[in-house]
N, C-alpha and C. Protein backbone atom coordinates (compact mmCIF):
# COMPACT_ATOMS: atom_id res chain seq x y z
N MET A 1 3.37 0.22 -144.25
CA MET A 1 4.26 0.36 -144.70
C MET A 1 5.46 -0.37 -143.25
N ILE A 2 6.04 -1.70 -143.48
CA ILE A 2 6.94 -1.79 -142.81
C ILE A 2 8.47 -1.62 -143.16
N ALA A 3 9.32 -0.69 -142.85
CA ALA A 3 10.72 -0.71 -143.17
C ALA A 3 11.49 -1.59 -142.14
N GLN A 4 12.17 -2.52 -142.82
CA GLN A 4 13.29 -3.36 -142.54
C GLN A 4 14.23 -3.43 -142.92
N GLU A 5 15.45 -3.38 -141.82
CA GLU A 5 17.15 -3.08 -142.42
C GLU A 5 17.16 -4.26 -143.05
N LEU A 6 18.21 -4.22 -144.31
CA LEU A 6 18.49 -5.13 -145.11
C LEU A 6 19.64 -6.22 -144.73
N ASP A 7 20.47 -6.00 -144.11
CA ASP A 7 21.74 -6.46 -143.39
C ASP A 7 21.32 -7.44 -142.43
N THR A 8 20.57 -6.77 -141.06
CA THR A 8 20.14 -6.97 -140.08
C THR A 8 18.65 -7.66 -139.78
N ASN A 9 17.79 -7.57 -140.60
CA ASN A 9 16.60 -7.74 -140.42
C ASN A 9 15.70 -6.94 -139.38
N ASP A 10 16.83 -6.05 -138.70
CA ASP A 10 15.97 -5.98 -137.78
C ASP A 10 14.61 -4.54 -138.04
N VAL A 11 13.40 -4.62 -137.70
CA VAL A 11 12.20 -3.99 -137.77
C VAL A 11 12.51 -2.62 -137.21
N LEU A 12 12.75 -1.58 -138.60
CA LEU A 12 12.90 -0.06 -138.03
C LEU A 12 11.86 0.83 -137.77
N MET A 13 10.73 0.65 -138.62
CA MET A 13 9.61 1.67 -138.39
C MET A 13 8.18 1.02 -139.20
N PHE A 14 6.99 1.92 -138.70
CA PHE A 14 5.96 1.44 -139.58
C PHE A 14 5.80 2.94 -139.90
N ALA A 15 5.05 2.83 -141.12
CA ALA A 15 4.84 4.26 -141.62
C ALA A 15 3.50 4.02 -142.42
N PHE A 16 3.11 5.32 -142.81
CA PHE A 16 1.91 5.46 -144.07
C PHE A 16 2.38 5.08 -145.10
N MET A 17 1.82 5.26 -145.95
CA MET A 17 2.03 5.65 -147.79
C MET A 17 0.59 5.56 -148.60
N ASN A 18 0.89 6.38 -149.29
CA ASN A 18 -0.34 6.57 -150.05
C ASN A 18 0.16 6.24 -151.79
N ARG A 19 -0.79 6.39 -152.83
CA ARG A 19 -0.29 5.77 -154.12
C ARG A 19 0.61 6.64 -154.30
N GLU A 20 1.05 7.86 -153.99
CA GLU A 20 1.79 8.89 -154.35
C GLU A 20 3.27 8.75 -154.06
N ALA A 21 3.16 8.39 -152.47
CA ALA A 21 4.46 7.97 -151.71
C ALA A 21 4.93 6.66 -152.26
N LEU A 22 4.19 5.50 -152.58
CA LEU A 22 4.38 4.45 -152.96
C LEU A 22 5.25 4.51 -154.47
N ARG A 23 4.75 5.71 -155.00
CA ARG A 23 5.07 5.48 -156.67
C ARG A 23 6.23 6.39 -156.52
N LEU A 24 6.86 7.14 -155.55
CA LEU A 24 8.05 7.86 -155.58
C LEU A 24 9.22 7.39 -154.79
N THR A 25 8.53 6.66 -154.08
CA THR A 25 9.58 5.59 -153.58
C THR A 25 10.26 4.88 -154.77
N ALA A 26 9.51 3.76 -155.40
CA ALA A 26 9.48 3.07 -156.36
C ALA A 26 10.79 3.71 -157.33
N GLU A 27 10.33 4.97 -157.77
CA GLU A 27 10.93 6.03 -158.87
C GLU A 27 12.65 6.51 -157.98
N ARG A 28 12.90 7.03 -156.91
CA ARG A 28 13.59 7.43 -156.48
C ARG A 28 14.75 6.74 -156.02
N GLY A 29 14.31 5.20 -155.02
CA GLY A 29 15.06 4.09 -154.54
C GLY A 29 15.27 4.97 -152.92
N GLU A 30 14.20 5.79 -152.60
CA GLU A 30 14.62 6.27 -151.31
C GLU A 30 13.15 6.08 -150.73
N ALA A 31 13.02 6.12 -149.30
CA ALA A 31 11.86 5.79 -148.91
C ALA A 31 10.91 7.21 -148.87
N VAL A 32 9.86 6.98 -149.00
CA VAL A 32 9.02 8.32 -148.97
C VAL A 32 7.28 7.93 -148.37
N TYR A 33 6.91 8.65 -147.58
CA TYR A 33 5.87 8.38 -146.72
C TYR A 33 5.05 9.42 -146.77
N TRP A 34 3.99 9.11 -146.01
CA TRP A 34 2.41 9.93 -145.96
C TRP A 34 2.23 10.64 -144.54
N SER A 35 3.14 11.90 -144.16
CA SER A 35 2.88 12.10 -142.73
C SER A 35 1.37 12.38 -142.51
N ARG A 36 0.75 11.70 -141.75
CA ARG A 36 -0.48 12.27 -141.26
C ARG A 36 -0.35 13.37 -140.25
N SER A 37 0.30 13.48 -139.67
CA SER A 37 0.59 14.81 -138.46
C SER A 37 0.42 15.94 -139.52
N ARG A 38 1.27 15.89 -140.78
CA ARG A 38 1.91 16.96 -141.40
C ARG A 38 0.70 16.96 -142.64
N SER A 39 0.00 16.27 -142.65
CA SER A 39 -0.72 16.21 -144.27
C SER A 39 -0.24 16.04 -145.07
N ARG A 40 0.92 15.56 -145.38
CA ARG A 40 1.78 15.84 -146.52
C ARG A 40 3.00 14.76 -146.91
N LEU A 41 3.22 14.88 -147.87
CA LEU A 41 4.40 13.52 -148.32
C LEU A 41 5.55 13.74 -147.52
N TRP A 42 6.17 12.79 -147.39
CA TRP A 42 7.74 13.20 -146.35
C TRP A 42 8.58 12.28 -146.68
N HIS A 43 9.84 12.85 -147.16
CA HIS A 43 10.97 11.79 -147.35
C HIS A 43 11.85 11.48 -146.70
N LYS A 44 11.61 10.56 -146.42
CA LYS A 44 12.13 10.12 -144.98
C LYS A 44 14.12 10.76 -144.91
N GLY A 45 14.20 11.26 -143.62
CA GLY A 45 15.45 11.78 -144.02
C GLY A 45 15.48 13.78 -144.56
N GLU A 46 14.06 14.05 -144.66
CA GLU A 46 14.45 15.43 -145.26
C GLU A 46 14.79 16.35 -144.22
N GLU A 47 14.61 16.13 -142.95
CA GLU A 47 15.17 16.91 -142.04
C GLU A 47 16.48 16.52 -141.29
N SER A 48 16.40 15.21 -140.96
CA SER A 48 17.25 14.80 -140.18
C SER A 48 18.35 14.36 -140.68
N GLY A 49 18.44 14.15 -142.24
CA GLY A 49 19.68 13.11 -142.94
C GLY A 49 19.56 12.11 -142.74
N HIS A 50 18.58 11.40 -142.21
CA HIS A 50 18.56 9.52 -142.15
C HIS A 50 17.64 9.29 -143.00
N ILE A 51 18.46 9.03 -144.46
CA ILE A 51 17.91 8.75 -145.55
C ILE A 51 17.47 7.19 -145.24
N GLN A 52 16.35 6.69 -145.95
CA GLN A 52 16.03 5.07 -146.33
C GLN A 52 16.45 4.78 -147.97
N LYS A 53 17.48 4.21 -148.06
CA LYS A 53 17.77 3.57 -149.26
C LYS A 53 16.98 2.26 -149.69
N VAL A 54 16.13 2.05 -150.48
CA VAL A 54 15.44 1.13 -150.59
C VAL A 54 15.85 0.48 -151.79
N HIS A 55 16.08 -1.13 -151.39
CA HIS A 55 16.58 -2.34 -152.22
C HIS A 55 15.70 -3.21 -152.73
N GLU A 56 14.52 -3.21 -151.63
CA GLU A 56 13.46 -4.31 -152.11
C GLU A 56 12.25 -3.51 -152.11
N MET A 57 11.14 -4.00 -152.34
CA MET A 57 9.74 -3.66 -152.27
C MET A 57 9.09 -4.81 -152.32
N ARG A 58 8.33 -5.20 -151.23
CA ARG A 58 7.66 -6.66 -151.00
C ARG A 58 6.24 -5.97 -150.85
N LEU A 59 4.92 -6.62 -151.06
CA LEU A 59 3.40 -6.87 -150.84
C LEU A 59 2.87 -8.01 -150.09
N ASP A 60 2.15 -7.98 -149.29
CA ASP A 60 1.92 -9.15 -148.51
C ASP A 60 1.09 -9.75 -149.11
N CYS A 61 0.34 -10.64 -148.38
CA CYS A 61 -0.80 -11.62 -149.32
C CYS A 61 -2.26 -11.18 -149.60
N ASP A 62 -2.59 -10.18 -148.67
CA ASP A 62 -3.47 -9.41 -148.70
C ASP A 62 -3.49 -8.16 -149.54
N ASN A 63 -2.14 -7.78 -150.17
CA ASN A 63 -2.00 -6.50 -150.88
C ASN A 63 -2.35 -5.60 -149.71
N ASP A 64 -2.20 -5.44 -148.66
CA ASP A 64 -2.52 -4.01 -148.30
C ASP A 64 -1.52 -4.17 -147.20
N VAL A 65 -0.39 -4.32 -147.01
CA VAL A 65 0.92 -3.61 -146.59
C VAL A 65 2.09 -3.76 -147.18
N VAL A 66 2.87 -2.99 -147.47
CA VAL A 66 3.98 -2.95 -148.08
C VAL A 66 5.57 -3.08 -147.17
N LEU A 67 6.43 -3.64 -147.11
CA LEU A 67 7.48 -4.21 -146.55
C LEU A 67 8.49 -3.62 -147.49
N LEU A 68 9.50 -2.62 -146.97
CA LEU A 68 10.68 -1.91 -147.54
C LEU A 68 12.08 -2.62 -146.97
N LYS A 69 12.66 -3.21 -147.51
CA LYS A 69 14.25 -3.41 -147.02
C LYS A 69 14.88 -2.51 -147.62
N VAL A 70 15.51 -1.99 -146.49
CA VAL A 70 16.22 -0.54 -146.64
C VAL A 70 17.58 -0.84 -145.63
N THR A 71 18.40 -0.02 -146.16
CA THR A 71 19.76 0.44 -145.23
C THR A 71 19.46 1.81 -144.98
N GLN A 72 19.82 2.28 -143.60
CA GLN A 72 19.38 3.33 -142.89
C GLN A 72 20.70 4.09 -143.01
N LEU A 73 20.77 5.55 -143.80
CA LEU A 73 21.84 6.24 -144.02
C LEU A 73 21.49 7.23 -143.27
N GLY A 74 22.93 7.76 -142.79
CA GLY A 74 22.83 9.40 -142.18
C GLY A 74 23.68 9.19 -141.05
N HIS A 75 23.81 8.17 -140.19
CA HIS A 75 24.29 7.91 -138.99
C HIS A 75 24.80 6.55 -138.87
N GLU A 76 26.07 6.19 -138.11
CA GLU A 76 26.23 4.76 -137.89
C GLU A 76 26.41 4.42 -136.59
N PRO A 77 25.51 3.41 -135.93
CA PRO A 77 24.49 2.56 -136.67
C PRO A 77 23.29 3.81 -137.58
N GLY A 78 22.49 3.13 -138.24
CA GLY A 78 21.56 4.10 -138.74
C GLY A 78 20.47 4.34 -137.78
N ILE A 79 19.82 5.76 -137.76
CA ILE A 79 18.79 5.77 -137.03
C ILE A 79 17.42 5.97 -137.61
N ALA A 80 16.92 5.38 -137.38
CA ALA A 80 15.31 5.31 -138.45
C ALA A 80 14.40 6.27 -137.06
N CYS A 81 14.29 6.10 -135.95
CA CYS A 81 13.20 6.85 -135.18
C CYS A 81 13.59 7.99 -134.76
N HIS A 82 12.50 8.89 -134.83
CA HIS A 82 12.85 10.37 -134.12
C HIS A 82 13.26 10.48 -132.87
N THR A 83 13.40 9.58 -132.02
CA THR A 83 13.54 9.70 -130.87
C THR A 83 14.81 9.51 -130.30
N GLY A 84 15.68 9.48 -131.59
CA GLY A 84 17.31 9.03 -132.14
C GLY A 84 17.72 7.59 -131.68
N ARG A 85 16.87 6.77 -132.22
CA ARG A 85 17.26 5.12 -131.87
C ARG A 85 17.36 4.74 -133.15
N HIS A 86 17.78 3.22 -132.96
CA HIS A 86 18.07 2.71 -134.40
C HIS A 86 16.72 2.25 -134.92
N SER A 87 15.91 2.00 -134.05
CA SER A 87 14.38 1.32 -134.50
C SER A 87 13.43 1.88 -133.64
N CYS A 88 12.21 2.22 -134.07
CA CYS A 88 11.34 2.76 -133.32
C CYS A 88 10.53 1.79 -132.38
N PHE A 89 11.10 0.24 -132.71
CA PHE A 89 10.43 -0.62 -131.47
C PHE A 89 11.40 -0.79 -130.82
N TYR A 90 11.56 0.44 -129.87
CA TYR A 90 12.99 0.10 -128.66
C TYR A 90 12.35 -0.15 -126.94
N GLN A 91 10.90 -0.44 -127.19
CA GLN A 91 10.56 -0.58 -125.96
C GLN A 91 10.15 -1.87 -125.96
N ARG A 92 10.26 -2.57 -124.66
CA ARG A 92 9.92 -4.35 -124.64
C ARG A 92 8.84 -4.54 -123.05
N LEU A 93 8.06 -5.12 -123.45
CA LEU A 93 7.21 -5.78 -121.81
C LEU A 93 7.96 -6.21 -121.31
N GLU A 94 8.34 -5.84 -119.98
CA GLU A 94 9.18 -6.52 -119.25
C GLU A 94 8.28 -6.51 -117.85
N GLY A 95 7.86 -8.18 -117.24
CA GLY A 95 7.40 -7.96 -115.73
C GLY A 95 5.83 -7.36 -116.11
N GLY A 96 5.21 -7.10 -117.11
CA GLY A 96 4.09 -6.31 -117.28
C GLY A 96 3.93 -4.47 -117.39
N ARG A 97 5.41 -4.21 -117.60
CA ARG A 97 5.56 -2.76 -117.95
C ARG A 97 6.70 -2.74 -119.15
N TRP A 98 6.53 -1.48 -119.65
CA TRP A 98 7.04 -1.17 -121.06
C TRP A 98 8.45 -0.72 -120.48
N ALA A 99 9.52 -1.30 -121.17
CA ALA A 99 10.81 -0.76 -120.67
C ALA A 99 11.72 -0.57 -121.95
N SER A 100 12.40 0.86 -121.65
CA SER A 100 13.03 1.04 -123.09
C SER A 100 14.38 0.22 -123.01
N VAL A 101 14.51 -0.53 -124.27
CA VAL A 101 15.70 -1.48 -123.99
C VAL A 101 16.34 -1.18 -125.38
N GLU A 102 16.83 -0.20 -125.95
CA GLU A 102 17.43 0.30 -126.93
C GLU A 102 18.05 1.95 -126.68
N PRO A 103 19.38 2.13 -126.84
CA PRO A 103 20.01 3.31 -126.51
C PRO A 103 19.67 4.47 -127.71
N VAL A 104 19.34 5.84 -126.55
CA VAL A 104 19.42 6.68 -127.75
C VAL A 104 20.97 7.10 -128.42
N LEU A 105 20.77 6.69 -129.78
CA LEU A 105 22.36 7.42 -130.47
C LEU A 105 22.61 8.93 -130.78
N LYS A 106 21.40 9.35 -130.90
CA LYS A 106 21.83 10.88 -131.25
C LYS A 106 20.41 11.66 -130.40
N ASP A 107 21.08 12.74 -129.52
CA ASP A 107 19.81 13.60 -128.90
C ASP A 107 18.80 14.29 -130.27
N PRO A 108 17.75 13.58 -130.13
CA PRO A 108 16.69 14.38 -131.05
C PRO A 108 16.76 15.70 -131.31
N GLU A 109 17.04 16.47 -130.37
CA GLU A 109 16.98 18.33 -130.04
C GLU A 109 18.30 18.46 -130.80
N ARG A 110 19.42 17.50 -131.32
CA ARG A 110 20.82 17.81 -132.41
C ARG A 110 20.17 17.56 -133.38
N ILE A 111 19.19 16.60 -133.72
CA ILE A 111 18.77 16.07 -135.10
C ILE A 111 17.86 16.99 -135.69
N TYR A 112 16.73 17.28 -135.06
CA TYR A 112 15.77 18.00 -135.79
C TYR A 112 16.11 19.83 -135.26
N LYS A 113 16.27 20.61 -135.95
CA LYS A 113 16.71 22.14 -135.51
C LYS A 113 15.55 23.11 -135.91
């Protein structure tokens, strides 16, 4: 699953979904994912408050990737990444090395208590 910001088209994050997560996302209108590390469903923002309001759900041509068009709530600008950044895709290849090119908007230590 890919979460994309509705207004900016920024790609915010990649996560996993199972059928139950997909069903709950459609019912609630808020993103619910499958956490592989916790082996359980995870409502985005349940700890951080950084909820994703879902406006559209799309399926790719092979029927194996879901695209969520979302509004990232809970902080302005929205924080989607557990590192406190707007997007999980904050690293860019520059001169053969990965460089962080997006700022930390909020210290993760202050987000997750």
